[in-house]
Amino acid sequence: MGDHRTFASGKAGGSAISGKREKPEGIVSKLREVEVLQGQGMTIAAAVRQIGVTQQTFYRCRKLYGDMGWSQLKRLKELEKENQLACPHRVVWVKS
């Protein structure tokens, strides 16, 4: 299972760029893809393998994003943007 990439890290057997994360929209899209594959008679294990993630990652992401619809994701994105703008105490160090 070391060849699967994760939603959170974006790693694929060590060959992908480290630190790359899947956006919530992409995660929800992949969760829906697993649901479709299950509807076609595929097992969860096979469906998760087909989208290229581990079962552990699938269940963790389903717990976080499984009940979210597209409108809720849009609102989440808006709130995150507002939060970034509303945090003046956040310090960014710049090398001179």
C-alpha atoms as a PDB file:
ATOM      1  CA  MET A   1       0.000   0.000   0.000  1.00  0.00           C
ATOM      2  CA  GLY A   2       3.004   2.300  -0.056  1.00  0.00           C
ATOM      3  CA  ASP A   3       2.206   3.108  -3.682  1.00  0.00           C
ATOM      4  CA  HIS A   4      -1.054   4.930  -2.900  1.00  0.00           C
ATOM      5  CA  ARG A   5      -1.129   8.669  -2.577  1.00  0.00           C
ATOM      6  CA  THR A   6      -3.151  10.383   0.100  1.00  0.00           C
ATOM      7  CA  PHE A   7      -5.680  13.209  -0.087  1.00  0.00           C
ATOM      8  CA  ALA A   8      -3.774  15.069   2.597  1.00  0.00           C
ATOM      9  CA  SER A   9      -0.175  14.727   1.482  1.00  0.00           C
ATOM     10  CA  GLY A  10      -0.463  14.192  -2.268  1.00  0.00           C
ATOM     11  CA  LYS A  11       2.456  11.748  -2.129  1.00  0.00           C
ATOM     12  CA  ALA A  12       2.655   8.822  -4.523  1.00  0.00           C
ATOM     13  CA  GLY A  13       5.390   6.425  -3.573  1.00  0.00           C
ATOM     14  CA  GLY A  14       7.732   9.308  -2.784  1.00  0.00           C
ATOM     15  CA  SER A  15       7.809  10.602  -6.356  1.00  0.00           C
ATOM     16  CA  ALA A  16       5.275  13.416  -5.971  1.00  0.00           C
ATOM     17  CA  ILE A  17       6.006  16.897  -4.748  1.00  0.00           C
ATOM     18  CA  SER A  18       5.952  16.870  -0.962  1.00  0.00           C
ATOM     19  CA  GLY A  19       3.637  19.261   0.852  1.00  0.00           C
ATOM     20  CA  LYS A  20       1.058  19.270  -1.962  1.00  0.00           C
ATOM     21  CA  ARG A  21      -2.482  18.961  -0.585  1.00  0.00           C
ATOM     22  CA  GLU A  22      -5.745  18.142  -2.250  1.00  0.00           C
ATOM     23  CA  LYS A  23      -8.345  20.907  -2.071  1.00  0.00           C
ATOM     24  CA  PRO A  24     -11.644  20.159  -0.303  1.00  0.00           C
ATOM     25  CA  GLU A  25     -13.454  20.237  -3.658  1.00  0.00           C
ATOM     26  CA  GLY A  26     -11.151  17.534  -4.974  1.00  0.00           C
ATOM     27  CA  ILE A  27     -11.613  15.429  -1.870  1.00  0.00           C
ATOM     28  CA  VAL A  28     -15.405  15.613  -2.082  1.00  0.00           C
ATOM     29  CA  SER A  29     -15.211  14.776  -5.782  1.00  0.00           C
ATOM     30  CA  LYS A  30     -13.171  11.654  -5.047  1.00  0.00           C
ATOM     31  CA  LEU A  31     -15.528  10.643  -2.249  1.00  0.00           C
ATOM     32  CA  ARG A  32     -18.424  10.891  -4.713  1.00  0.00           C
ATOM     33  CA  GLU A  33     -16.425   8.844  -7.225  1.00  0.00           C
ATOM     34  CA  VAL A  34     -16.073   6.051  -4.656  1.00  0.00           C
ATOM     35  CA  GLU A  35     -19.838   6.178  -4.069  1.00  0.00           C
ATOM     36  CA  VAL A  36     -20.463   5.785  -7.806  1.00  0.00           C
ATOM     37  CA  LEU A  37     -18.045   2.855  -8.040  1.00  0.00           C
ATOM     38  CA  GLN A  38     -19.762   1.213  -5.080  1.00  0.00           C
ATOM     39  CA  GLY A  39     -23.106   1.671  -6.825  1.00  0.00           C
ATOM     40  CA  GLN A  40     -21.666  -0.209  -9.783  1.00  0.00           C
ATOM     41  CA  GLY A  41     -20.962  -3.174  -7.495  1.00  0.00           C
ATOM     42  CA  MET A  42     -17.324  -2.515  -6.636  1.00  0.00           C
ATOM     43  CA  THR A  43     -16.144  -3.079  -3.057  1.00  0.00           C
ATOM     44  CA  ILE A  44     -14.928  -0.131  -1.001  1.00  0.00           C
ATOM     45  CA  ALA A  45     -11.403  -1.550  -0.988  1.00  0.00           C
ATOM     46  CA  ALA A  46     -11.319  -1.827  -4.788  1.00  0.00           C
ATOM     47  CA  ALA A  47     -12.929   1.598  -5.318  1.00  0.00           C
ATOM     48  CA  VAL A  48     -10.492   3.300  -2.957  1.00  0.00           C
ATOM     49  CA  ARG A  49      -7.596   1.536  -4.658  1.00  0.00           C
ATOM     50  CA  GLN A  50      -8.858   2.728  -8.053  1.00  0.00           C
ATOM     51  CA  ILE A  51      -8.878   6.410  -7.013  1.00  0.00           C
ATOM     52  CA  GLY A  52      -5.376   5.936  -5.604  1.00  0.00           C
ATOM     53  CA  VAL A  53      -5.676   6.456  -1.847  1.00  0.00           C
ATOM     54  CA  THR A  54      -5.443   4.266   1.211  1.00  0.00           C
ATOM     55  CA  GLN A  55      -8.537   3.029   3.013  1.00  0.00           C
ATOM     56  CA  GLN A  56      -7.438   4.870   6.147  1.00  0.00           C
ATOM     57  CA  THR A  57      -7.254   8.156   4.238  1.00  0.00           C
ATOM     58  CA  PHE A  58     -10.606   7.491   2.580  1.00  0.00           C
ATOM     59  CA  TYR A  59     -12.369   6.915   5.917  1.00  0.00           C
ATOM     60  CA  ARG A  60     -10.703   9.940   7.521  1.00  0.00           C
ATOM     61  CA  CYS A  61     -11.718  12.225   4.647  1.00  0.00           C
ATOM     62  CA  ARG A  62     -15.209  10.765   4.546  1.00  0.00           C
ATOM     63  CA  LYS A  63     -15.558  11.582   8.231  1.00  0.00           C
ATOM     64  CA  LEU A  64     -14.482  15.203   7.602  1.00  0.00           C
ATOM     65  CA  TYR A  65     -16.107  15.940   4.233  1.00  0.00           C
ATOM     66  CA  GLY A  66     -18.601  13.120   3.626  1.00  0.00           C
ATOM     67  CA  ASP A  67     -21.756  15.026   4.522  1.00  0.00           C
ATOM     68  CA  MET A  68     -20.724  18.272   2.838  1.00  0.00           C
ATOM     69  CA  GLY A  69     -22.431  19.477  -0.284  1.00  0.00           C
ATOM     70  CA  TRP A  70     -20.996  21.910  -2.829  1.00  0.00           C
ATOM     71  CA  SER A  71     -22.743  24.888  -1.201  1.00  0.00           C
ATOM     72  CA  GLN A  72     -21.231  23.995   2.170  1.00  0.00           C
ATOM     73  CA  LEU A  73     -17.782  23.730   0.585  1.00  0.00           C
ATOM     74  CA  LYS A  74     -18.225  27.150  -0.970  1.00  0.00           C
ATOM     75  CA  ARG A  75     -19.187  28.599   2.419  1.00  0.00           C
ATOM     76  CA  LEU A  76     -16.199  26.881   4.064  1.00  0.00           C
ATOM     77  CA  LYS A  77     -13.891  28.452   1.499  1.00  0.00           C
ATOM     78  CA  GLU A  78     -15.431  31.897   2.122  1.00  0.00           C
ATOM     79  CA  LEU A  79     -15.008  31.534   5.882  1.00  0.00           C
ATOM     80  CA  GLU A  80     -11.378  30.467   5.509  1.00  0.00           C
ATOM     81  CA  LYS A  81     -10.695  33.512   3.325  1.00  0.00           C
ATOM     82  CA  GLU A  82     -12.404  35.817   5.868  1.00  0.00           C
ATOM     83  CA  ASN A  83     -10.383  34.228   8.645  1.00  0.00           C
ATOM     84  CA  GLN A  84      -7.121  34.909   6.820  1.00  0.00           C
ATOM     85  CA  LEU A  85      -8.064  38.565   6.342  1.00  0.00           C
ATOM     86  CA  ALA A  86      -9.288  38.963   9.927  1.00  0.00           C
ATOM     87  CA  CYS A  87      -6.065  37.759  11.584  1.00  0.00           C
ATOM     88  CA  PRO A  88      -3.855  40.864  11.788  1.00  0.00           C
ATOM     89  CA  HIS A  89      -1.744  39.207  14.495  1.00  0.00           C
ATOM     90  CA  ARG A  90      -0.393  36.715  11.975  1.00  0.00           C
ATOM     91  CA  VAL A  91       3.259  37.608  11.420  1.00  0.00           C
ATOM     92  CA  VAL A  92       5.115  36.824   8.224  1.00  0.00           C
ATOM     93  CA  TRP A  93       8.872  36.997   8.440  1.00  0.00           C
ATOM     94  CA  VAL A  94      10.699  38.305   5.390  1.00  0.00           C
ATOM     95  CA  LYS A  95      14.429  37.894   4.837  1.00  0.00           C
ATOM     96  CA  SER A  96      16.150  41.122   3.936  1.00  0.00           C
END
